[in-house]
Amino acid sequence: MRSVFADEYNLVSIQCDYFGLEFMQHSPLPESLYNFNDMGIMQALDNLTAIGIVEQILKDNNLNFNAGKVIAYGHSHGAYLAYLLNVLSP
């Protein structure tokens, strides 16, 4: 979907490998203080950080973009994160 959206609708699309991704859809993995299964706030913050970094790259390269039109999209857990992003940064 990223390439389809980017090419057909002139969008910048991002896929974030967020904190705890390796815990999703795998057999149980050992957790530690440095790597644990957080299925929410930390993943949403990773996505917000990725958006902020890409926004800064666009600005640094003098590329025009509409910062007022950011789309968060996902399926299942990704949709949950999209809703959480909207709560954290409407």
PDB file of N, CA and C in Angstrom:
ATOM      1  N   MET A   1       0.814  -1.192   0.000  1.00  0.00           N
ATOM      2  CA  MET A   1       0.000   0.000   0.000  1.00  0.00           C
ATOM      3  C   MET A   1       0.865   1.266   0.000  1.00  0.00           C
ATOM      4  N   ARG A   2       2.047   1.196   0.631  1.00  0.00           N
ATOM      5  CA  ARG A   2       2.878   2.402   0.696  1.00  0.00           C
ATOM      6  C   ARG A   2       3.198   2.923  -0.690  1.00  0.00           C
ATOM      7  N   SER A   3       3.676   2.061  -1.578  1.00  0.00           N
ATOM      8  CA  SER A   3       4.067   2.527  -2.911  1.00  0.00           C
ATOM      9  C   SER A   3       2.853   2.961  -3.722  1.00  0.00           C
ATOM     10  N   VAL A   4       1.729   2.265  -3.577  1.00  0.00           N
ATOM     11  CA  VAL A   4       0.515   2.656  -4.292  1.00  0.00           C
ATOM     12  C   VAL A   4       0.078   4.054  -3.848  1.00  0.00           C
ATOM     13  N   PHE A   5      -0.005   4.267  -2.554  1.00  0.00           N
ATOM     14  CA  PHE A   5      -0.414   5.578  -2.048  1.00  0.00           C
ATOM     15  C   PHE A   5       0.561   6.663  -2.477  1.00  0.00           C
ATOM     16  N   ALA A   6       1.841   6.397  -2.322  1.00  0.00           N
ATOM     17  CA  ALA A   6       2.853   7.405  -2.655  1.00  0.00           C
ATOM     18  C   ALA A   6       2.807   7.770  -4.134  1.00  0.00           C
ATOM     19  N   ASP A   7       2.730   6.788  -5.001  1.00  0.00           N
ATOM     20  CA  ASP A   7       2.762   7.035  -6.440  1.00  0.00           C
ATOM     21  C   ASP A   7       1.457   7.619  -6.973  1.00  0.00           C
ATOM     22  N   GLU A   8       0.332   7.072  -6.534  1.00  0.00           N
ATOM     23  CA  GLU A   8      -0.943   7.499  -7.098  1.00  0.00           C
ATOM     24  C   GLU A   8      -1.483   8.793  -6.502  1.00  0.00           C
ATOM     25  N   TYR A   9      -1.113   9.105  -5.273  1.00  0.00           N
ATOM     26  CA  TYR A   9      -1.698  10.268  -4.601  1.00  0.00           C
ATOM     27  C   TYR A   9      -0.668  11.312  -4.180  1.00  0.00           C
ATOM     28  N   ASN A  10       0.562  11.191  -4.682  1.00  0.00           N
ATOM     29  CA  ASN A  10       1.616  12.151  -4.374  1.00  0.00           C
ATOM     30  C   ASN A  10       1.793  12.328  -2.864  1.00  0.00           C
ATOM     31  N   LEU A  11       2.009  11.222  -2.187  1.00  0.00           N
ATOM     32  CA  LEU A  11       2.192  11.224  -0.736  1.00  0.00           C
ATOM     33  C   LEU A  11       3.590  10.762  -0.368  1.00  0.00           C
ATOM     34  N   VAL A  12       4.044  11.185   0.783  1.00  0.00           N
ATOM     35  CA  VAL A  12       5.229  10.602   1.410  1.00  0.00           C
ATOM     36  C   VAL A  12       4.684   9.533   2.341  1.00  0.00           C
ATOM     37  N   SER A  13       5.121   8.310   2.197  1.00  0.00           N
ATOM     38  CA  SER A  13       4.611   7.243   3.058  1.00  0.00           C
ATOM     39  C   SER A  13       5.748   6.669   3.902  1.00  0.00           C
ATOM     40  N   ILE A  14       5.406   6.293   5.118  1.00  0.00           N
ATOM     41  CA  ILE A  14       6.384   5.813   6.097  1.00  0.00           C
ATOM     42  C   ILE A  14       5.889   4.496   6.677  1.00  0.00           C
ATOM     43  N   GLN A  15       6.789   3.545   6.840  1.00  0.00           N
ATOM     44  CA  GLN A  15       6.495   2.352   7.618  1.00  0.00           C
ATOM     45  C   GLN A  15       7.509   2.314   8.745  1.00  0.00           C
ATOM     46  N   CYS A  16       7.024   2.297   9.949  1.00  0.00           N
ATOM     47  CA  CYS A  16       7.899   2.366  11.116  1.00  0.00           C
ATOM     48  C   CYS A  16       8.075   0.981  11.729  1.00  0.00           C
ATOM     49  N   ASP A  17       9.322   0.559  11.906  1.00  0.00           N
ATOM     50  CA  ASP A  17       9.609  -0.637  12.703  1.00  0.00           C
ATOM     51  C   ASP A  17       9.709  -0.169  14.145  1.00  0.00           C
ATOM     52  N   TYR A  18       8.633  -0.297  14.864  1.00  0.00           N
ATOM     53  CA  TYR A  18       8.526   0.310  16.181  1.00  0.00           C
ATOM     54  C   TYR A  18       8.965  -0.625  17.292  1.00  0.00           C
ATOM     55  N   PHE A  19       9.109  -0.031  18.464  1.00  0.00           N
ATOM     56  CA  PHE A  19       9.520  -0.740  19.669  1.00  0.00           C
ATOM     57  C   PHE A  19       8.608  -1.944  19.910  1.00  0.00           C
ATOM     58  N   GLY A  20       9.175  -3.113  20.147  1.00  0.00           N
ATOM     59  CA  GLY A  20       8.406  -4.309  20.475  1.00  0.00           C
ATOM     60  C   GLY A  20       7.876  -5.063  19.271  1.00  0.00           C
ATOM     61  N   LEU A  21       8.256  -4.636  18.073  1.00  0.00           N
ATOM     62  CA  LEU A  21       7.749  -5.266  16.861  1.00  0.00           C
ATOM     63  C   LEU A  21       8.032  -6.764  16.831  1.00  0.00           C
ATOM     64  N   GLU A  22       9.174  -7.171  17.341  1.00  0.00           N
ATOM     65  CA  GLU A  22       9.546  -8.592  17.281  1.00  0.00           C
ATOM     66  C   GLU A  22       8.662  -9.473  18.165  1.00  0.00           C
ATOM     67  N   PHE A  23       7.891  -8.863  19.069  1.00  0.00           N
ATOM     68  CA  PHE A  23       7.004  -9.645  19.927  1.00  0.00           C
ATOM     69  C   PHE A  23       5.667  -9.957  19.260  1.00  0.00           C
ATOM     70  N   MET A  24       5.414  -9.340  18.127  1.00  0.00           N
ATOM     71  CA  MET A  24       4.127  -9.520  17.458  1.00  0.00           C
ATOM     72  C   MET A  24       4.150 -10.767  16.571  1.00  0.00           C
ATOM     73  N   GLN A  25       3.127 -11.605  16.714  1.00  0.00           N
ATOM     74  CA  GLN A  25       2.900 -12.780  15.882  1.00  0.00           C
ATOM     75  C   GLN A  25       4.059 -13.769  15.901  1.00  0.00           C
ATOM     76  N   HIS A  26       4.712 -13.896  16.997  1.00  0.00           N
ATOM     77  CA  HIS A  26       5.778 -14.887  17.144  1.00  0.00           C
ATOM     78  C   HIS A  26       5.521 -15.671  18.425  1.00  0.00           C
ATOM     79  N   SER A  27       6.218 -16.775  18.567  1.00  0.00           N
ATOM     80  CA  SER A  27       6.119 -17.510  19.820  1.00  0.00           C
ATOM     81  C   SER A  27       6.703 -16.644  20.933  1.00  0.00           C
ATOM     82  N   PRO A  28       6.348 -16.919  22.171  1.00  0.00           N
ATOM     83  CA  PRO A  28       6.800 -16.069  23.279  1.00  0.00           C
ATOM     84  C   PRO A  28       8.323 -15.864  23.284  1.00  0.00           C
ATOM     85  N   LEU A  29       8.720 -14.621  23.461  1.00  0.00           N
ATOM     86  CA  LEU A  29      10.133 -14.248  23.539  1.00  0.00           C
ATOM     87  C   LEU A  29      10.429 -13.729  24.940  1.00  0.00           C
ATOM     88  N   PRO A  30      11.665 -13.887  25.406  1.00  0.00           N
ATOM     89  CA  PRO A  30      12.000 -13.352  26.725  1.00  0.00           C
ATOM     90  C   PRO A  30      12.010 -11.826  26.708  1.00  0.00           C
ATOM     91  N   GLU A  31      11.484 -11.217  27.765  1.00  0.00           N
ATOM     92  CA  GLU A  31      11.472  -9.765  27.887  1.00  0.00           C
ATOM     93  C   GLU A  31      12.516  -9.337  28.918  1.00  0.00           C
ATOM     94  N   SER A  32      12.971  -8.087  28.779  1.00  0.00           N
ATOM     95  CA  SER A  32      13.921  -7.519  29.735  1.00  0.00           C
ATOM     96  C   SER A  32      13.540  -6.069  29.982  1.00  0.00           C
ATOM     97  N   LEU A  33      14.284  -5.418  30.849  1.00  0.00           N
ATOM     98  CA  LEU A  33      14.035  -3.993  31.097  1.00  0.00           C
ATOM     99  C   LEU A  33      14.310  -3.147  29.862  1.00  0.00           C
ATOM    100  N   TYR A  34      15.127  -3.659  28.943  1.00  0.00           N
ATOM    101  CA  TYR A  34      15.536  -2.891  27.766  1.00  0.00           C
ATOM    102  C   TYR A  34      14.756  -3.251  26.506  1.00  0.00           C
ATOM    103  N   ASN A  35      14.059  -4.372  26.545  1.00  0.00           N
ATOM    104  CA  ASN A  35      13.282  -4.790  25.383  1.00  0.00           C
ATOM    105  C   ASN A  35      12.076  -5.587  25.875  1.00  0.00           C
ATOM    106  N   PHE A  36      10.915  -4.961  25.785  1.00  0.00           N
ATOM    107  CA  PHE A  36       9.722  -5.613  26.305  1.00  0.00           C
ATOM    108  C   PHE A  36       8.538  -5.354  25.387  1.00  0.00           C
ATOM    109  N   ASN A  37       7.481  -6.104  25.628  1.00  0.00           N
ATOM    110  CA  ASN A  37       6.299  -6.070  24.787  1.00  0.00           C
ATOM    111  C   ASN A  37       5.368  -4.949  25.262  1.00  0.00           C
ATOM    112  N   ASP A  38       5.460  -3.812  24.633  1.00  0.00           N
ATOM    113  CA  ASP A  38       4.561  -2.701  24.926  1.00  0.00           C
ATOM    114  C   ASP A  38       3.719  -2.462  23.674  1.00  0.00           C
ATOM    115  N   MET A  39       2.487  -2.841  23.726  1.00  0.00           N
ATOM    116  CA  MET A  39       1.625  -2.779  22.545  1.00  0.00           C
ATOM    117  C   MET A  39       0.794  -1.496  22.555  1.00  0.00           C
ATOM    118  N   GLY A  40       1.447  -0.362  22.636  1.00  0.00           N
ATOM    119  CA  GLY A  40       0.663   0.858  22.681  1.00  0.00           C
ATOM    120  C   GLY A  40       1.476   2.124  22.638  1.00  0.00           C
ATOM    121  N   ILE A  41       1.629   2.743  23.783  1.00  0.00           N
ATOM    122  CA  ILE A  41       2.155   4.107  23.858  1.00  0.00           C
ATOM    123  C   ILE A  41       3.556   4.223  23.265  1.00  0.00           C
ATOM    124  N   MET A  42       4.442   3.288  23.546  1.00  0.00           N
ATOM    125  CA  MET A  42       5.808   3.399  23.016  1.00  0.00           C
ATOM    126  C   MET A  42       5.828   3.230  21.502  1.00  0.00           C
ATOM    127  N   GLN A  43       4.990   2.335  20.981  1.00  0.00           N
ATOM    128  CA  GLN A  43       4.909   2.161  19.536  1.00  0.00           C
ATOM    129  C   GLN A  43       4.338   3.415  18.873  1.00  0.00           C
ATOM    130  N   ALA A  44       3.337   4.010  19.491  1.00  0.00           N
ATOM    131  CA  ALA A  44       2.762   5.246  18.950  1.00  0.00           C
ATOM    132  C   ALA A  44       3.796   6.370  18.980  1.00  0.00           C
ATOM    133  N   LEU A  45       4.578   6.452  20.049  1.00  0.00           N
ATOM    134  CA  LEU A  45       5.623   7.477  20.123  1.00  0.00           C
ATOM    135  C   LEU A  45       6.701   7.248  19.068  1.00  0.00           C
ATOM    136  N   ASP A  46       7.014   5.989  18.770  1.00  0.00           N
ATOM    137  CA  ASP A  46       7.959   5.690  17.684  1.00  0.00           C
ATOM    138  C   ASP A  46       7.418   6.204  16.350  1.00  0.00           C
ATOM    139  N   ASN A  47       6.132   5.994  16.109  1.00  0.00           N
ATOM    140  CA  ASN A  47       5.528   6.485  14.869  1.00  0.00           C
ATOM    141  C   ASN A  47       5.539   8.008  14.809  1.00  0.00           C
ATOM    142  N   LEU A  48       5.212   8.671  15.916  1.00  0.00           N
ATOM    143  CA  LEU A  48       5.252  10.142  15.946  1.00  0.00           C
ATOM    144  C   LEU A  48       6.669  10.658  15.711  1.00  0.00           C
ATOM    145  N   THR A  49       7.655   9.978  16.269  1.00  0.00           N
ATOM    146  CA  THR A  49       9.049  10.369  16.061  1.00  0.00           C
ATOM    147  C   THR A  49       9.428  10.225  14.590  1.00  0.00           C
ATOM    148  N   ALA A  50       9.010   9.133  13.956  1.00  0.00           N
ATOM    149  CA  ALA A  50       9.302   8.919  12.532  1.00  0.00           C
ATOM    150  C   ALA A  50       8.675  10.024  11.682  1.00  0.00           C
ATOM    151  N   ILE A  51       7.445  10.377  11.982  1.00  0.00           N
ATOM    152  CA  ILE A  51       6.775  11.456  11.241  1.00  0.00           C
ATOM    153  C   ILE A  51       7.534  12.765  11.416  1.00  0.00           C
ATOM    154  N   GLY A  52       7.934  13.066  12.651  1.00  0.00           N
ATOM    155  CA  GLY A  52       8.683  14.298  12.919  1.00  0.00           C
ATOM    156  C   GLY A  52      10.015  14.343  12.187  1.00  0.00           C
ATOM    157  N   ILE A  53      10.713  13.225  12.125  1.00  0.00           N
ATOM    158  CA  ILE A  53      12.005  13.174  11.436  1.00  0.00           C
ATOM    159  C   ILE A  53      11.820  13.383   9.939  1.00  0.00           C
ATOM    160  N   VAL A  54      10.841  12.710   9.347  1.00  0.00           N
ATOM    161  CA  VAL A  54      10.596  12.878   7.912  1.00  0.00           C
ATOM    162  C   VAL A  54      10.181  14.323   7.612  1.00  0.00           C
ATOM    163  N   GLU A  55       9.363  14.897   8.473  1.00  0.00           N
ATOM    164  CA  GLU A  55       8.967  16.300   8.314  1.00  0.00           C
ATOM    165  C   GLU A  55      10.195  17.209   8.310  1.00  0.00           C
ATOM    166  N   GLN A  56      11.129  16.958   9.212  1.00  0.00           N
ATOM    167  CA  GLN A  56      12.345  17.776   9.285  1.00  0.00           C
ATOM    168  C   GLN A  56      13.219  17.582   8.044  1.00  0.00           C
ATOM    169  N   ILE A  57      13.307  16.358   7.545  1.00  0.00           N
ATOM    170  CA  ILE A  57      14.071  16.098   6.315  1.00  0.00           C
ATOM    171  C   ILE A  57      13.477  16.879   5.149  1.00  0.00           C
ATOM    172  N   LEU A  58      12.143  16.871   5.045  1.00  0.00           N
ATOM    173  CA  LEU A  58      11.486  17.632   3.976  1.00  0.00           C
ATOM    174  C   LEU A  58      11.803  19.121   4.097  1.00  0.00           C
ATOM    175  N   LYS A  59      11.729  19.656   5.311  1.00  0.00           N
ATOM    176  CA  LYS A  59      12.033  21.081   5.535  1.00  0.00           C
ATOM    177  C   LYS A  59      13.491  21.390   5.203  1.00  0.00           C
ATOM    178  N   ASP A  60      14.403  20.528   5.652  1.00  0.00           N
ATOM    179  CA  ASP A  60      15.833  20.746   5.414  1.00  0.00           C
ATOM    180  C   ASP A  60      16.170  20.759   3.922  1.00  0.00           C
ATOM    181  N   ASN A  61      15.372  20.054   3.127  1.00  0.00           N
ATOM    182  CA  ASN A  61      15.595  19.981   1.684  1.00  0.00           C
ATOM    183  C   ASN A  61      14.712  20.954   0.905  1.00  0.00           C
ATOM    184  N   ASN A  62      14.089  21.899   1.635  1.00  0.00           N
ATOM    185  CA  ASN A  62      13.226  22.915   1.025  1.00  0.00           C
ATOM    186  C   ASN A  62      12.151  22.321   0.119  1.00  0.00           C
ATOM    187  N   LEU A  63      11.571  21.211   0.546  1.00  0.00           N
ATOM    188  CA  LEU A  63      10.493  20.583  -0.208  1.00  0.00           C
ATOM    189  C   LEU A  63       9.149  21.036   0.366  1.00  0.00           C
ATOM    190  N   ASN A  64       8.241  21.395  -0.504  1.00  0.00           N
ATOM    191  CA  ASN A  64       6.921  21.840  -0.075  1.00  0.00           C
ATOM    192  C   ASN A  64       6.060  20.641   0.291  1.00  0.00           C
ATOM    193  N   PHE A  65       5.368  20.752   1.401  1.00  0.00           N
ATOM    194  CA  PHE A  65       4.426  19.725   1.819  1.00  0.00           C
ATOM    195  C   PHE A  65       3.401  20.372   2.741  1.00  0.00           C
ATOM    196  N   ASN A  66       2.264  19.738   2.867  1.00  0.00           N
ATOM    197  CA  ASN A  66       1.197  20.244   3.718  1.00  0.00           C
ATOM    198  C   ASN A  66       1.225  19.489   5.036  1.00  0.00           C
ATOM    199  N   ALA A  67       1.801  20.102   6.063  1.00  0.00           N
ATOM    200  CA  ALA A  67       1.917  19.458   7.376  1.00  0.00           C
ATOM    201  C   ALA A  67       0.551  19.295   8.042  1.00  0.00           C
ATOM    202  N   GLY A  68      -0.465  19.961   7.505  1.00  0.00           N
ATOM    203  CA  GLY A  68      -1.811  19.836   8.046  1.00  0.00           C
ATOM    204  C   GLY A  68      -2.553  18.616   7.532  1.00  0.00           C
ATOM    205  N   LYS A  69      -1.938  17.896   6.618  1.00  0.00           N
ATOM    206  CA  LYS A  69      -2.576  16.691   6.078  1.00  0.00           C
ATOM    207  C   LYS A  69      -1.683  15.486   6.310  1.00  0.00           C
ATOM    208  N   VAL A  70      -1.816  14.896   7.474  1.00  0.00           N
ATOM    209  CA  VAL A  70      -1.073  13.688   7.824  1.00  0.00           C
ATOM    210  C   VAL A  70      -2.102  12.579   7.995  1.00  0.00           C
ATOM    211  N   ILE A  71      -1.885  11.461   7.331  1.00  0.00           N
ATOM    212  CA  ILE A  71      -2.808  10.329   7.388  1.00  0.00           C
ATOM    213  C   ILE A  71      -2.124   9.198   8.143  1.00  0.00           C
ATOM    214  N   ALA A  72      -2.768   8.687   9.168  1.00  0.00           N
ATOM    215  CA  ALA A  72      -2.290   7.494   9.869  1.00  0.00           C
ATOM    216  C   ALA A  72      -3.195   6.350   9.451  1.00  0.00           C
ATOM    217  N   TYR A  73      -2.601   5.278   8.957  1.00  0.00           N
ATOM    218  CA  TYR A  73      -3.371   4.174   8.376  1.00  0.00           C
ATOM    219  C   TYR A  73      -2.800   2.848   8.839  1.00  0.00           C
ATOM    220  N   GLY A  74      -3.657   1.912   9.130  1.00  0.00           N
ATOM    221  CA  GLY A  74      -3.180   0.588   9.490  1.00  0.00           C
ATOM    222  C   GLY A  74      -4.320  -0.403   9.584  1.00  0.00           C
ATOM    223  N   HIS A  75      -3.950  -1.668   9.674  1.00  0.00           N
ATOM    224  CA  HIS A  75      -4.913  -2.757   9.859  1.00  0.00           C
ATOM    225  C   HIS A  75      -4.707  -3.322  11.253  1.00  0.00           C
ATOM    226  N   SER A  76      -5.762  -3.751  11.883  1.00  0.00           N
ATOM    227  CA  SER A  76      -5.699  -4.433  13.164  1.00  0.00           C
ATOM    228  C   SER A  76      -4.919  -3.598  14.185  1.00  0.00           C
ATOM    229  N   HIS A  77      -3.779  -4.076  14.629  1.00  0.00           N
ATOM    230  CA  HIS A  77      -2.998  -3.323  15.616  1.00  0.00           C
ATOM    231  C   HIS A  77      -2.529  -1.987  15.044  1.00  0.00           C
ATOM    232  N   GLY A  78      -2.241  -1.956  13.751  1.00  0.00           N
ATOM    233  CA  GLY A  78      -1.858  -0.699  13.106  1.00  0.00           C
ATOM    234  C   GLY A  78      -2.971   0.329  13.158  1.00  0.00           C
ATOM    235  N   ALA A  79      -4.219  -0.107  13.037  1.00  0.00           N
ATOM    236  CA  ALA A  79      -5.359   0.808  13.148  1.00  0.00           C
ATOM    237  C   ALA A  79      -5.466   1.341  14.577  1.00  0.00           C
ATOM    238  N   TYR A  80      -5.247   0.473  15.554  1.00  0.00           N
ATOM    239  CA  TYR A  80      -5.224   0.899  16.958  1.00  0.00           C
ATOM    240  C   TYR A  80      -4.157   1.976  17.168  1.00  0.00           C
ATOM    241  N   LEU A  81      -2.970   1.761  16.595  1.00  0.00           N
ATOM    242  CA  LEU A  81      -1.909   2.755  16.723  1.00  0.00           C
ATOM    243  C   LEU A  81      -2.278   4.054  16.020  1.00  0.00           C
ATOM    244  N   ALA A  82      -2.964   3.962  14.884  1.00  0.00           N
ATOM    245  CA  ALA A  82      -3.389   5.165  14.164  1.00  0.00           C
ATOM    246  C   ALA A  82      -4.347   5.988  15.044  1.00  0.00           C
ATOM    247  N   TYR A  83      -5.278   5.321  15.700  1.00  0.00           N
ATOM    248  CA  TYR A  83      -6.178   6.032  16.615  1.00  0.00           C
ATOM    249  C   TYR A  83      -5.405   6.627  17.783  1.00  0.00           C
ATOM    250  N   LEU A  84      -4.459   5.893  18.325  1.00  0.00           N
ATOM    251  CA  LEU A  84      -3.658   6.385  19.438  1.00  0.00           C
ATOM    252  C   LEU A  84      -2.812   7.593  19.019  1.00  0.00           C
ATOM    253  N   LEU A  85      -2.261   7.579  17.794  1.00  0.00           N
ATOM    254  CA  LEU A  85      -1.525   8.732  17.276  1.00  0.00           C
ATOM    255  C   LEU A  85      -2.413   9.962  17.254  1.00  0.00           C
ATOM    256  N   ASN A  86      -3.652   9.780  16.853  1.00  0.00           N
ATOM    257  CA  ASN A  86      -4.578  10.906  16.778  1.00  0.00           C
ATOM    258  C   ASN A  86      -4.893  11.457  18.166  1.00  0.00           C
ATOM    259  N   VAL A  87      -4.921  10.590  19.168  1.00  0.00           N
ATOM    260  CA  VAL A  87      -5.143  11.050  20.546  1.00  0.00           C
ATOM    261  C   VAL A  87      -3.921  11.838  21.037  1.00  0.00           C
ATOM    262  N   LEU A  88      -2.732  11.325  20.761  1.00  0.00           N
ATOM    263  CA  LEU A  88      -1.495  11.959  21.247  1.00  0.00           C
ATOM    264  C   LEU A  88      -1.143  13.228  20.500  1.00  0.00           C
ATOM    265  N   SER A  89      -1.461  13.269  19.200  1.00  0.00           N
ATOM    266  CA  SER A  89      -1.097  14.417  18.379  1.00  0.00           C
ATOM    267  C   SER A  89      -2.180  14.636  17.314  1.00  0.00           C
ATOM    268  N   PRO A  90      -3.294  15.247  17.736  1.00  0.00           N
ATOM    269  CA  PRO A  90      -4.434  15.416  16.805  1.00  0.00           C
ATOM    270  C   PRO A  90      -4.080  16.238  15.579  1.00  0.00           C
TER     271      PRO A  90
END
